[in-house]
Amino acid sequence: KGLPMSFDEILDVKVTPNRGHDCLSHRGIAKEISAILNIRMKDDGLRKSIILEPRTDAVAVSIEAEKCNRFTAAYIRGVRVGPSPDWLREALESIGQRSINKIVDATNYVMFSLGQPLHAFDAGKLQSTEVKPRYKITVRNAKAGEKMISLDDKEYAFTETMMVVTDANADVPIGIAGLKGGKPSGVDEKTVDIILESANFDGVSVRKTAQALKLRTDASARFEQVLSPEMAAYGARAGVDLIMQLAGGQLVGFVDIYPHTAKSRQVSVTLGKINNVLGTQISVSEVEDVWKRLDMIYHIDGETFTIDIPFERLDLAIPEDLVEEIGRIVGYDKVPSTPLPKFPKKPENNQNFCAAERIREQLISEGYSEVFTSVFADKGERQVANKIGGDKPYLRANLTDSLDDALERNVRNKDLLGLKKVQLFEIGTVWRDGKEEIVVGKAAEKEKPSQSLLTPESADSCADLPSSTTEQYKSFSRYPFIVRDVAMWVSYDSAQDKPLESDAVLDVIRREAGELLVRSELFDRFEKGDRISYAFRLVFQSFEKTLTDVEVNEIMGKVMDAVKAKGWEVR
């Protein structure tokens, strides 16, 4: 009957990795909601008995690649390709999918509905023979250098580790297994006969191919999570039914190559195990209620539950998995709070951490600032096989190179930082001489950078380390700063019979300079006769824009006027 013509609400769900097997689908999410709200599903497509009949000998399928677990093909003749009905187009567009045509939209709809990727080939574009089987499809590893133009008009070159779906009569790829179909066999408005693929490919193989080709699709995202090969039959049946509903045609038959049939699985757990792990007092009836809500067939012997695991729930393999199901459906908020028992032993300090903390406090007390630089370098002993990017494919063999770079960049900002001398250190990991080591590196102006191996020492003093006294951290501006120096003669304070303090002079300067003055400090002082000279360094910076010399000069003009009004002489 289709879906409603409008969608008022969107449910945004984050699927955890352990549930990618079944919950990257609307059916999977509906099943979860059914259990959580205790509302039985009206129609669960994966709980029906599926028979792929009739069979056909017009199409032959062979699996030569060991990473293909199942390949089901359905041959349909006489379809009418055209725009999808409004309900289907709106359903796909509501989840960000572009409507293409009835056939392609039907395969996408089934994939998002059940979680099983499908792909339709135009049979008329495949090479056929007069004798049966007319069409031959083979799943094999690609030949080195073999290429294919995909549906999005991009050419991909394969290696021998990648799986492809081929037109065996022509011995050419027509699809990248688990990722994307080829353009030469793509469905278009002139398509009349189709071969629908519903297969199961090894998740690791699909992921590696997608990564190597830099091609990730909705289909590959599902195969990467690993799907039950049983899903292929349900996808094939649902796809055929929907295509014939939308585009007509006649089902000639199915071909199903399933080398190693998946075995049914059972997992047992006791009531004692459930309550011991969760720390609860759940009853037998409460556990039974959970299995019913999850629509799982169970057998009970005393207080032992044996569950017939649904084929799509690949995440359920050990008793602890069943305990987790109980906990999340009953609700973790029902688990009572219990104080932890006292730890029987004195906690041991991590000696590397202790040594790092002691050295850190020592260097900070000496005026050093800590930095954290990248572990990647443009040279080293260990090359990264899957580098994140950029031109640094190695793990660093020392800290001095990156500290040198950090020193150079920070020296330019020492006026803004209010430092007379920049001194940096880093405690980090390096990879050298075939080992992974933690070292301490230091760098300072006009000094040669150095590092020493971090050696774990006694952890007894760790507890005595002082914590930071910082009360508030302020963000820094990303815009450049401007520095101005000003020096002046100041008379003695006759009322106090002593030199006027520099703080009093700075108060006047700060008041006139306004909020753009981000740092001000005395950097020179000397006396001559009854006068004293002060020299101040003023740093101006905006959080909103790059300051200009004109703007800062205007501020300095106001400062000079205020200084002169006090009777002080600008040098």
Protein backbone atom coordinates (compact mmCIF):
# COMPACT_ATOMS: atom_id res chain seq x y z
CA LYS A 1 0.00 0.00 0.00
CA GLY A 2 3.01 2.26 0.31
CA LEU A 3 3.89 4.89 2.85
CA PRO A 4 2.08 8.09 3.93
CA MET A 5 2.53 11.06 1.60
CA SER A 6 4.11 13.22 4.30
CA PHE A 7 6.57 12.68 7.11
CA ASP A 8 6.27 14.89 10.16
CA GLU A 9 8.92 13.41 12.44
CA ILE A 10 12.44 12.06 12.03
CA LEU A 11 14.01 9.52 14.36
CA ASP A 12 17.79 10.00 14.39
CA VAL A 13 19.41 6.79 15.61
CA LYS A 14 23.06 6.08 16.36
CA VAL A 15 23.71 2.41 15.63
CA THR A 16 26.53 0.95 17.71
CA PRO A 17 29.06 -1.29 15.89
CA ASN A 18 27.81 -4.49 17.53
CA ARG A 19 24.34 -3.93 16.05
CA GLY A 20 25.34 -3.09 12.48
CA HIS A 21 24.37 -6.65 11.52
CA ASP A 22 20.67 -5.93 11.84
CA CYS A 23 19.98 -2.33 12.88
CA LEU A 24 21.20 -0.52 9.77
CA SER A 25 17.65 -0.95 8.56
CA HIS A 26 14.17 0.29 9.32
CA ARG A 27 13.10 -3.24 10.22
CA GLY A 28 15.91 -3.54 12.75
CA ILE A 29 15.04 -0.23 14.43
CA ALA A 30 11.35 -1.13 14.45
CA LYS A 31 12.24 -4.43 16.13
CA GLU A 32 14.12 -2.56 18.85
CA ILE A 33 11.28 -0.11 19.41
CA SER A 34 8.87 -3.04 19.55
CA ALA A 35 10.87 -4.62 22.40
CA ILE A 36 11.49 -1.38 24.28
CA LEU A 37 7.84 -0.24 24.17
CA ASN A 38 6.50 -3.80 24.42
CA ILE A 39 4.37 -3.36 21.30
CA ARG A 40 4.35 -6.36 18.98
CA MET A 41 5.31 -5.76 15.34
CA LYS A 42 2.41 -6.21 12.92
CA ASP A 43 4.57 -7.65 10.17
CA ASP A 44 8.19 -8.77 10.56
CA GLY A 45 9.62 -9.56 7.14
CA LEU A 46 12.41 -11.71 8.59
CA ARG A 47 10.09 -14.04 10.50
CA LYS A 48 8.32 -15.37 7.41
CA SER A 49 9.28 -18.58 5.66
CA ILE A 50 11.05 -17.78 2.38
CA ILE A 51 11.11 -20.10 -0.62
CA LEU A 52 12.99 -18.96 -3.71
CA GLU A 53 10.72 -20.54 -6.31
CA PRO A 54 10.48 -21.13 -9.19
CA ARG A 55 14.05 -21.99 -10.14
CA THR A 56 15.45 -21.17 -13.57
CA ASP A 57 18.17 -22.59 -15.77
CA ALA A 58 18.26 -19.49 -17.95
CA VAL A 59 20.85 -17.95 -15.63
CA ALA A 60 23.92 -19.70 -14.23
CA VAL A 61 25.89 -18.41 -11.25
CA SER A 62 29.30 -19.61 -10.13
CA ILE A 63 31.33 -18.52 -7.12
CA GLU A 64 35.09 -18.67 -7.57
CA ALA A 65 36.00 -16.19 -4.83
CA GLU A 66 36.15 -17.66 -1.33
CA LYS A 67 35.03 -14.34 0.18
CA CYS A 68 31.58 -14.63 -1.41
CA ASN A 69 29.33 -16.57 0.97
CA ARG A 70 26.15 -16.62 -1.08
CA PHE A 71 24.87 -15.30 -4.40
CA THR A 72 21.19 -15.23 -5.28
CA ALA A 73 19.96 -14.04 -8.69
CA ALA A 74 16.39 -13.48 -9.86
CA TYR A 75 15.56 -13.23 -13.59
CA ILE A 76 12.58 -10.98 -14.41
CA ARG A 77 11.38 -10.29 -17.95
CA GLY A 78 9.17 -7.58 -19.38
CA VAL A 79 9.57 -4.80 -16.78
CA ARG A 80 8.55 -1.23 -17.53
CA VAL A 81 11.13 1.22 -16.23
CA GLY A 82 9.97 4.71 -15.40
CA PRO A 83 9.66 7.26 -12.59
CA SER A 84 8.76 5.90 -9.17
CA PRO A 85 5.36 6.58 -7.62
CA ASP A 86 5.14 9.50 -5.22
CA TRP A 87 5.10 7.35 -2.07
CA LEU A 88 8.38 5.65 -3.01
CA ARG A 89 10.09 8.82 -4.17
CA GLU A 90 9.08 10.69 -1.01
CA ALA A 91 10.13 7.78 1.21
CA LEU A 92 13.64 7.75 -0.27
CA GLU A 93 13.97 11.53 -0.33
CA SER A 94 12.97 11.67 3.34
CA ILE A 95 16.21 9.83 4.21
CA GLY A 96 18.38 11.80 1.79
CA GLN A 97 18.26 9.42 -1.19
CA ARG A 98 17.77 10.62 -4.76
CA SER A 99 15.03 8.90 -6.72
CA ILE A 100 16.34 7.38 -9.99
CA ASN A 101 13.75 5.01 -11.45
CA LYS A 102 11.38 2.25 -10.34
CA ILE A 103 13.95 -0.56 -10.46
CA VAL A 104 16.84 1.21 -8.75
CA ASP A 105 14.51 2.81 -6.20
CA ALA A 106 13.04 -0.59 -5.37
CA THR A 107 16.49 -2.05 -4.64
CA ASN A 108 17.35 0.92 -2.40
CA TYR A 109 14.02 0.74 -0.61
CA VAL A 110 14.53 -2.93 0.25
CA MET A 111 18.10 -2.26 1.41
CA PHE A 112 16.98 0.46 3.83
CA SER A 113 13.95 -1.57 4.87
CA LEU A 114 15.61 -4.93 5.59
CA GLY A 115 19.33 -4.09 5.55
CA GLN A 116 20.20 -6.37 2.60
CA PRO A 117 21.86 -4.60 -0.36
CA LEU A 118 20.54 -5.46 -3.84
CA HIS A 119 21.66 -4.63 -7.36
CA ALA A 120 19.84 -4.92 -10.68
CA PHE A 121 21.63 -5.65 -13.99
CA ASP A 122 20.11 -4.98 -17.39
CA ALA A 123 20.05 -8.50 -18.86
CA GLY A 124 19.82 -7.07 -22.36
CA LYS A 125 23.26 -5.54 -21.97
CA LEU A 126 24.90 -8.82 -20.94
CA GLN A 127 26.33 -11.22 -23.49
CA SER A 128 23.92 -14.12 -24.01
CA THR A 129 23.96 -17.46 -25.76
CA GLU A 130 21.26 -19.33 -27.68
CA VAL A 131 21.50 -22.37 -25.44
CA LYS A 132 20.76 -22.45 -21.74
CA PRO A 133 21.99 -20.99 -19.57
CA ARG A 134 21.64 -17.81 -21.63
CA TYR A 135 23.40 -15.68 -19.01
CA LYS A 136 26.37 -16.57 -16.86
CA ILE A 137 27.46 -14.63 -13.80
CA THR A 138 30.69 -15.39 -11.98
CA VAL A 139 32.00 -13.92 -8.74
CA ARG A 140 35.78 -14.03 -8.78
CA ASN A 141 38.86 -12.12 -7.77
CA ALA A 142 39.77 -9.37 -10.19
CA LYS A 143 42.67 -9.69 -12.57
CA ALA A 144 45.56 -7.32 -11.96
CA GLY A 145 44.96 -4.15 -13.95
CA GLU A 146 41.35 -5.03 -14.76
CA LYS A 147 39.12 -1.95 -14.95
CA MET A 148 35.45 -1.00 -14.86
CA ILE A 149 33.44 2.20 -15.30
CA SER A 150 30.93 2.46 -12.46
CA LEU A 151 27.41 3.86 -12.49
CA ASP A 152 28.75 7.27 -11.44
CA ASP A 153 31.03 7.41 -14.53
CA LYS A 154 34.24 6.85 -12.61
CA GLU A 155 36.82 4.32 -13.75
CA TYR A 156 38.22 1.94 -11.16
CA ALA A 157 41.30 -0.25 -11.57
CA PHE A 158 41.41 -3.45 -9.54
CA THR A 159 44.02 -5.58 -7.85
CA GLU A 160 43.93 -9.35 -7.46
CA THR A 161 42.68 -9.08 -3.86
CA MET A 162 39.41 -7.41 -4.90
CA MET A 163 36.21 -9.29 -5.73
CA VAL A 164 34.18 -8.49 -8.83
CA VAL A 165 30.91 -9.72 -10.28
CA THR A 166 31.42 -10.59 -13.95
CA ASP A 167 29.47 -11.31 -17.09
CA ALA A 168 31.12 -14.71 -17.53
CA ASN A 169 30.19 -15.00 -21.21
CA ALA A 170 32.21 -11.86 -21.93
CA ASP A 171 34.60 -12.28 -18.98
CA VAL A 172 34.25 -8.60 -17.99
CA PRO A 173 33.38 -7.05 -14.61
CA ILE A 174 29.83 -5.73 -14.25
CA GLY A 175 30.05 -4.89 -10.56
CA ILE A 176 32.44 -4.34 -7.65
CA ALA A 177 31.34 -6.97 -5.12
CA GLY A 178 29.51 -5.32 -2.25
CA LEU A 179 30.14 -1.76 -3.43
CA LYS A 180 28.79 -0.63 -6.78
CA GLY A 181 27.52 -1.77 -10.16
CA GLY A 182 29.07 -1.08 -13.54
CA LYS A 183 27.68 1.41 -16.03
CA PRO A 184 27.71 -0.93 -19.09
CA SER A 185 25.10 -3.17 -17.41
CA GLY A 186 23.15 -0.42 -15.64
CA VAL A 187 19.36 -0.20 -15.73
CA ASP A 188 17.89 2.67 -17.79
CA GLU A 189 14.61 3.67 -19.44
CA LYS A 190 15.12 1.13 -22.25
CA THR A 191 15.64 -1.83 -19.91
CA VAL A 192 13.16 -4.70 -20.39
CA ASP A 193 14.73 -7.72 -18.69
CA ILE A 194 16.70 -7.61 -15.43
CA ILE A 195 18.78 -9.92 -13.27
CA LEU A 196 18.49 -8.98 -9.60
CA GLU A 197 21.48 -9.71 -7.38
CA SER A 198 21.12 -10.39 -3.65
CA ALA A 199 24.44 -11.64 -2.32
CA ASN A 200 26.58 -11.95 0.78
CA PHE A 201 30.20 -10.83 0.73
CA ASP A 202 32.89 -11.00 3.42
CA GLY A 203 32.87 -7.77 5.43
CA VAL A 204 36.65 -7.44 5.77
CA SER A 205 37.14 -7.93 2.03
CA VAL A 206 34.53 -5.28 1.20
CA ARG A 207 36.05 -2.83 3.68
CA LYS A 208 39.56 -3.26 2.28
CA THR A 209 38.32 -2.82 -1.29
CA ALA A 210 36.29 0.27 -0.36
CA GLN A 211 39.30 1.74 1.40
CA ALA A 212 41.69 1.00 -1.47
CA LEU A 213 39.34 2.42 -4.11
CA LYS A 214 38.23 5.32 -1.87
CA LEU A 215 34.67 4.24 -2.62
CA ARG A 216 32.21 3.84 0.25
CA THR A 217 28.54 3.25 -0.48
CA ASP A 218 25.38 2.45 1.48
CA ALA A 219 25.82 -1.17 0.39
CA SER A 220 29.45 -1.40 1.51
CA ALA A 221 28.58 0.20 4.87
CA ARG A 222 26.25 -2.74 5.53
CA PHE A 223 28.51 -5.51 4.25
CA GLU A 224 31.40 -4.09 6.30
CA GLN A 225 29.34 -4.64 9.46
CA VAL A 226 28.90 -8.32 8.41
CA LEU A 227 25.48 -9.66 7.41
CA SER A 228 24.03 -13.11 7.82
CA PRO A 229 24.00 -14.95 4.46
CA GLU A 230 20.40 -15.88 5.29
CA MET A 231 19.51 -12.25 4.59
CA ALA A 232 20.22 -12.72 0.87
CA ALA A 233 17.10 -14.84 0.34
CA TYR A 234 14.84 -12.35 2.16
CA GLY A 235 16.29 -9.46 0.18
CA ALA A 236 15.84 -11.30 -3.12
CA ARG A 237 12.21 -12.18 -2.40
CA ALA A 238 11.33 -8.67 -1.18
CA GLY A 239 13.12 -7.08 -4.14
CA VAL A 240 11.34 -9.23 -6.72
CA ASP A 241 7.92 -8.60 -5.14
CA LEU A 242 8.40 -4.82 -5.03
CA ILE A 243 9.84 -4.57 -8.55
CA MET A 244 6.94 -6.54 -10.02
CA GLN A 245 4.48 -4.40 -8.03
CA LEU A 246 6.03 -1.22 -9.43
CA ALA A 247 7.22 -2.19 -12.90
CA GLY A 248 5.25 -5.33 -13.78
CA GLY A 249 7.09 -8.12 -15.58
CA GLN A 250 7.24 -11.88 -15.21
CA LEU A 251 9.47 -13.75 -12.78
CA VAL A 252 11.28 -16.41 -14.78
CA GLY A 253 12.94 -17.81 -11.69
CA PHE A 254 15.70 -17.76 -9.08
CA VAL A 255 19.24 -19.08 -8.88
CA ASP A 256 20.69 -19.53 -5.39
CA ILE A 257 24.31 -20.55 -4.85
CA TYR A 258 24.91 -21.10 -1.13
CA PRO A 259 28.15 -23.12 -0.65
CA HIS A 260 28.11 -23.30 3.15
CA THR A 261 24.68 -22.99 4.72
CA ALA A 262 24.68 -21.05 7.98
CA LYS A 263 23.98 -23.28 10.96
CA SER A 264 21.30 -22.49 13.51
CA ARG A 265 22.70 -21.29 16.82
CA GLN A 266 21.68 -21.65 20.45
CA VAL A 267 23.06 -19.90 23.54
CA SER A 268 22.18 -20.75 27.14
CA VAL A 269 22.28 -18.69 30.31
CA THR A 270 21.13 -19.31 33.89
CA LEU A 271 19.06 -17.02 36.06
CA GLY A 272 21.90 -17.04 38.58
CA LYS A 273 24.35 -15.82 35.93
CA ILE A 274 21.99 -13.02 34.91
CA ASN A 275 21.49 -11.75 38.45
CA ASN A 276 25.14 -12.19 39.40
CA VAL A 277 26.38 -10.12 36.44
CA LEU A 278 23.72 -7.42 36.73
CA GLY A 279 23.56 -7.33 40.52
CA THR A 280 19.78 -7.75 40.41
CA GLN A 281 17.03 -10.02 41.73
CA ILE A 282 15.19 -10.54 38.44
CA SER A 283 12.67 -13.39 38.47
CA VAL A 284 12.17 -16.20 35.95
CA SER A 285 8.95 -14.60 34.71
CA GLU A 286 10.69 -11.25 34.13
CA VAL A 287 13.38 -12.97 32.04
CA GLU A 288 10.73 -14.81 30.04
CA ASP A 289 9.01 -11.50 29.38
CA VAL A 290 12.20 -10.13 27.85
CA TRP A 291 12.53 -13.05 25.43
CA LYS A 292 8.92 -12.56 24.39
CA ARG A 293 9.40 -8.83 23.83
CA LEU A 294 12.49 -9.56 21.74
CA ASP A 295 10.46 -12.14 19.81
CA MET A 296 13.00 -14.87 20.54
CA ILE A 297 12.19 -18.56 20.78
CA TYR A 298 13.40 -19.89 24.13
CA HIS A 299 13.44 -23.14 26.06
CA ILE A 300 13.51 -23.27 29.84
CA ASP A 301 14.84 -26.04 32.05
CA GLY A 302 14.54 -25.09 35.69
CA GLU A 303 16.34 -21.75 35.80
CA THR A 304 18.35 -22.28 32.60
CA PHE A 305 17.25 -20.50 29.44
CA THR A 306 18.30 -21.73 26.01
CA ILE A 307 17.68 -19.25 23.20
CA ASP A 308 17.29 -20.01 19.49
CA ILE A 309 19.33 -17.09 18.17
CA PRO A 310 17.68 -15.27 15.23
CA PHE A 311 19.94 -15.56 12.18
CA GLU A 312 20.34 -11.78 11.84
CA ARG A 313 21.51 -11.33 15.47
CA LEU A 314 25.18 -12.08 14.90
CA ASP A 315 25.99 -10.10 18.06
CA LEU A 316 24.53 -12.82 20.30
CA ALA A 317 27.18 -15.51 20.77
CA ILE A 318 27.91 -16.03 24.48
CA PRO A 319 25.89 -16.00 27.74
CA GLU A 320 27.07 -12.48 28.57
CA ASP A 321 25.42 -11.24 25.36
CA LEU A 322 22.10 -12.57 26.62
CA VAL A 323 22.67 -10.92 29.99
CA GLU A 324 23.14 -7.61 28.19
CA GLU A 325 19.81 -8.12 26.41
CA ILE A 326 18.10 -8.67 29.75
CA GLY A 327 19.74 -5.61 31.28
CA ARG A 328 18.90 -3.17 28.53
CA ILE A 329 15.29 -4.29 28.09
CA VAL A 330 14.51 -4.45 31.81
CA GLY A 331 16.38 -1.14 32.14
CA TYR A 332 19.76 -0.42 33.67
CA ASP A 333 18.01 2.09 35.90
CA LYS A 334 16.50 -0.96 37.64
CA VAL A 335 19.95 -2.14 38.69
CA PRO A 336 20.40 -1.06 42.34
CA SER A 337 23.39 0.99 43.40
CA THR A 338 25.85 -1.03 45.47
CA PRO A 339 28.97 0.44 47.11
CA LEU A 340 32.18 -1.12 45.91
CA PRO A 341 34.05 -3.16 48.50
CA LYS A 342 37.25 -1.72 49.89
CA PHE A 343 40.27 -2.47 47.76
CA PRO A 344 42.29 -5.07 49.67
CA LYS A 345 45.67 -3.73 48.55
CA LYS A 346 47.31 -0.35 48.53
CA PRO A 347 46.88 1.11 45.02
CA GLU A 348 50.07 1.05 43.02
CA ASN A 349 51.28 4.14 41.23
CA ASN A 350 52.10 3.93 37.55
CA GLN A 351 55.83 4.60 37.65
CA ASN A 352 56.01 6.11 34.17
CA PHE A 353 53.18 8.48 35.06
CA CYS A 354 54.82 9.35 38.37
CA ALA A 355 58.18 10.07 36.77
CA ALA A 356 56.51 12.22 34.09
CA GLU A 357 54.62 14.22 36.72
CA ARG A 358 57.75 14.86 38.77
CA ILE A 359 59.71 16.04 35.75
CA ARG A 360 56.77 18.11 34.54
CA GLU A 361 56.48 19.97 37.85
CA GLN A 362 60.23 20.52 37.99
CA LEU A 363 60.44 22.00 34.50
CA ILE A 364 57.38 24.19 35.00
CA SER A 365 58.95 25.57 38.19
CA GLU A 366 62.03 26.46 36.11
CA GLY A 367 59.90 28.51 33.68
CA TYR A 368 59.36 25.91 30.95
CA SER A 369 56.05 25.58 29.13
CA GLU A 370 54.74 22.17 28.03
CA VAL A 371 53.81 21.52 24.40
CA PHE A 372 52.28 18.56 22.60
CA THR A 373 53.47 17.96 19.06
CA SER A 374 52.46 15.43 16.41
CA VAL A 375 53.83 11.89 16.57
CA PHE A 376 54.08 11.89 12.76
CA ALA A 377 57.28 12.98 11.03
CA ASP A 378 58.71 13.23 7.53
CA LYS A 379 61.43 10.73 8.43
CA GLY A 380 61.95 7.92 10.90
CA GLU A 381 62.34 4.17 11.36
CA ARG A 382 58.68 3.16 11.26
CA GLN A 383 56.50 4.04 8.29
CA VAL A 384 52.74 4.27 8.82
CA ALA A 385 50.85 1.93 6.49
CA ASN A 386 47.61 3.92 6.69
CA LYS A 387 48.74 7.50 7.17
CA ILE A 388 46.15 10.09 8.11
CA GLY A 389 47.30 12.54 5.48
CA GLY A 390 49.89 15.17 4.73
CA ASP A 391 53.55 14.61 3.99
CA LYS A 392 54.57 12.94 7.25
CA PRO A 393 54.28 9.16 6.79
CA TYR A 394 56.65 8.12 9.62
CA LEU A 395 56.44 7.84 13.40
CA ARG A 396 58.87 10.28 15.00
CA ALA A 397 62.27 9.02 16.17
CA ASN A 398 62.94 12.06 18.39
CA LEU A 399 61.29 15.07 20.00
CA THR A 400 63.94 17.62 19.10
CA ASP A 401 62.83 18.20 15.52
CA SER A 402 59.25 19.06 16.46
CA LEU A 403 60.42 21.07 19.50
CA ASP A 404 62.66 23.12 17.21
CA ASP A 405 59.65 23.94 15.06
CA ALA A 406 57.49 24.77 18.09
CA LEU A 407 60.23 26.99 19.50
CA GLU A 408 60.54 28.95 16.27
CA ARG A 409 56.81 29.61 16.16
CA ASN A 410 56.51 30.55 19.82
CA VAL A 411 59.48 32.91 19.86
CA ARG A 412 57.54 35.16 17.50
CA ASN A 413 54.77 35.38 20.10
CA LYS A 414 56.79 35.90 23.26
CA ASP A 415 55.69 39.53 23.61
CA LEU A 416 52.07 38.44 23.54
CA LEU A 417 52.85 35.67 26.03
CA GLY A 418 54.72 38.07 28.28
CA LEU A 419 57.89 35.99 28.23
CA LYS A 420 61.43 37.27 28.15
CA LYS A 421 62.67 33.87 27.05
CA VAL A 422 60.75 30.99 25.50
CA GLN A 423 61.50 27.61 27.08
CA LEU A 424 59.57 24.54 25.94
CA PHE A 425 59.45 20.88 26.92
CA GLU A 426 57.55 17.80 25.85
CA ILE A 427 57.08 14.36 27.37
CA GLY A 428 56.18 11.96 24.61
CA THR A 429 56.70 8.67 22.79
CA VAL A 430 59.36 8.11 20.14
CA TRP A 431 60.15 5.06 18.01
CA ARG A 432 63.86 4.41 17.60
CA ASP A 433 66.33 1.55 17.58
CA GLY A 434 63.45 -0.86 17.08
CA LYS A 435 61.81 0.19 20.37
CA GLU A 436 59.03 2.43 21.62
CA GLU A 437 60.27 4.78 24.35
CA ILE A 438 59.00 7.70 26.44
CA VAL A 439 61.43 10.61 26.46
CA VAL A 440 61.63 14.17 27.75
CA GLY A 441 62.67 16.88 25.31
CA LYS A 442 63.67 20.48 26.06
CA ALA A 443 64.20 23.50 23.83
CA ALA A 444 64.99 27.14 24.66
CA GLU A 445 66.23 30.24 22.85
CA LYS A 446 69.96 30.21 22.11
CA GLU A 447 70.24 26.67 23.49
CA LYS A 448 70.67 23.38 21.71
CA PRO A 449 67.53 21.15 21.97
CA SER A 450 68.04 18.01 24.04
CA GLN A 451 66.20 14.88 25.24
CA SER A 452 66.76 12.32 27.95
CA LEU A 453 65.08 8.93 28.40
CA LEU A 454 62.23 8.98 30.94
CA THR A 455 63.21 6.47 33.63
CA PRO A 456 60.51 5.31 36.07
CA GLU A 457 61.43 6.19 39.63
CA SER A 458 59.85 5.64 43.01
CA ALA A 459 56.17 6.57 42.91
CA ASP A 460 55.95 7.44 46.63
CA SER A 461 56.19 11.19 46.03
CA CYS A 462 53.44 11.32 43.41
CA ALA A 463 50.75 11.95 45.97
CA ASP A 464 52.64 15.03 47.20
CA LEU A 465 52.70 16.75 43.82
CA PRO A 466 51.02 20.15 43.82
CA SER A 467 47.95 20.58 41.66
CA SER A 468 47.38 23.57 39.40
CA THR A 469 46.24 26.76 41.12
CA THR A 470 44.74 28.13 37.91
CA GLU A 471 41.19 29.35 38.48
CA GLN A 472 40.15 30.28 34.98
CA TYR A 473 41.41 29.68 31.45
CA LYS A 474 40.81 32.27 28.76
CA SER A 475 40.66 31.66 25.04
CA PHE A 476 43.25 33.30 22.82
CA SER A 477 42.69 35.45 19.75
CA ARG A 478 43.51 34.07 16.31
CA TYR A 479 44.33 37.53 14.96
CA PRO A 480 47.85 39.08 14.84
CA PHE A 481 49.03 41.37 17.61
CA ILE A 482 50.90 44.70 17.47
CA VAL A 483 53.65 45.71 19.93
CA ARG A 484 54.47 49.28 21.00
CA ASP A 485 57.17 50.39 23.48
CA VAL A 486 56.92 53.63 25.39
CA ALA A 487 59.45 55.18 27.81
CA MET A 488 59.09 58.28 29.99
CA TRP A 489 60.67 60.32 32.76
CA VAL A 490 58.65 60.41 35.95
CA SER A 491 59.26 62.76 38.90
CA TYR A 492 59.50 61.59 42.49
CA ASP A 493 56.27 61.41 44.46
CA SER A 494 56.76 64.43 46.71
CA ALA A 495 53.94 63.38 49.06
CA GLN A 496 55.58 60.04 49.74
CA ASP A 497 59.17 61.24 49.26
CA LYS A 498 59.93 58.23 47.06
CA PRO A 499 59.86 57.35 43.37
CA LEU A 500 56.43 57.03 41.77
CA GLU A 501 55.68 53.31 41.43
CA SER A 502 55.50 51.85 37.92
CA ASP A 503 52.09 50.35 38.68
CA ALA A 504 50.64 53.83 39.08
CA VAL A 505 51.98 54.79 35.64
CA LEU A 506 50.63 51.55 34.11
CA ASP A 507 47.19 52.27 35.56
CA VAL A 508 47.06 55.49 33.56
CA ILE A 509 48.27 53.76 30.39
CA ARG A 510 45.82 50.86 30.73
CA ARG A 511 42.89 53.18 31.38
CA GLU A 512 43.54 55.15 28.19
CA ALA A 513 44.51 52.18 26.02
CA GLY A 514 41.21 50.38 26.58
CA GLU A 515 40.27 46.73 26.01
CA LEU A 516 42.52 46.25 22.96
CA LEU A 517 45.53 46.37 25.28
CA VAL A 518 45.91 42.68 26.14
CA ARG A 519 49.30 42.78 27.86
CA SER A 520 51.44 45.51 29.44
CA GLU A 521 54.59 45.21 31.49
CA LEU A 522 57.63 47.11 32.68
CA PHE A 523 60.82 46.02 30.92
CA ASP A 524 63.32 48.78 31.89
CA ARG A 525 63.93 51.14 34.83
CA PHE A 526 66.71 53.49 35.87
CA GLU A 527 67.11 56.62 38.03
CA LYS A 528 68.91 59.88 37.32
CA GLY A 529 68.89 62.67 39.85
CA ASP A 530 65.39 63.27 41.12
CA ARG A 531 63.82 61.58 38.15
CA ILE A 532 63.16 57.97 37.25
CA SER A 533 62.73 56.43 33.82
CA TYR A 534 60.21 53.67 33.11
CA ALA A 535 59.93 51.76 29.82
CA PHE A 536 56.82 49.70 29.12
CA ARG A 537 55.97 47.11 26.46
CA LEU A 538 52.36 47.29 25.28
CA VAL A 539 50.71 44.49 23.27
CA PHE A 540 47.49 45.21 21.34
CA GLN A 541 45.19 42.55 19.89
CA SER A 542 41.55 42.15 18.85
CA PHE A 543 39.33 39.07 19.13
CA GLU A 544 37.28 40.26 16.16
CA LYS A 545 39.69 41.41 13.45
CA THR A 546 43.27 42.20 12.43
CA LEU A 547 44.34 45.53 13.91
CA THR A 548 45.97 48.15 11.73
CA ASP A 549 48.83 50.51 12.58
CA VAL A 550 46.44 53.44 12.14
CA GLU A 551 44.13 52.10 14.87
CA VAL A 552 46.98 51.41 17.30
CA ASN A 553 48.62 54.79 16.59
CA GLU A 554 45.33 56.47 17.49
CA ILE A 555 45.27 54.63 20.81
CA MET A 556 48.92 55.51 21.47
CA GLY A 557 48.08 59.16 20.82
CA LYS A 558 45.54 59.10 23.65
CA VAL A 559 48.08 57.40 25.91
CA MET A 560 50.68 60.11 25.16
CA ASP A 561 48.19 62.87 25.90
CA ALA A 562 47.32 61.29 29.25
CA VAL A 563 51.01 60.87 30.14
CA LYS A 564 51.83 64.47 29.31
CA ALA A 565 48.81 65.66 31.30
CA LYS A 566 50.42 64.07 34.33
CA GLY A 567 53.58 66.07 33.73
CA TRP A 568 55.61 63.05 32.63
CA GLU A 569 58.11 63.45 29.81
CA VAL A 570 57.97 60.90 26.97
CA ARG A 571 61.47 59.92 25.91
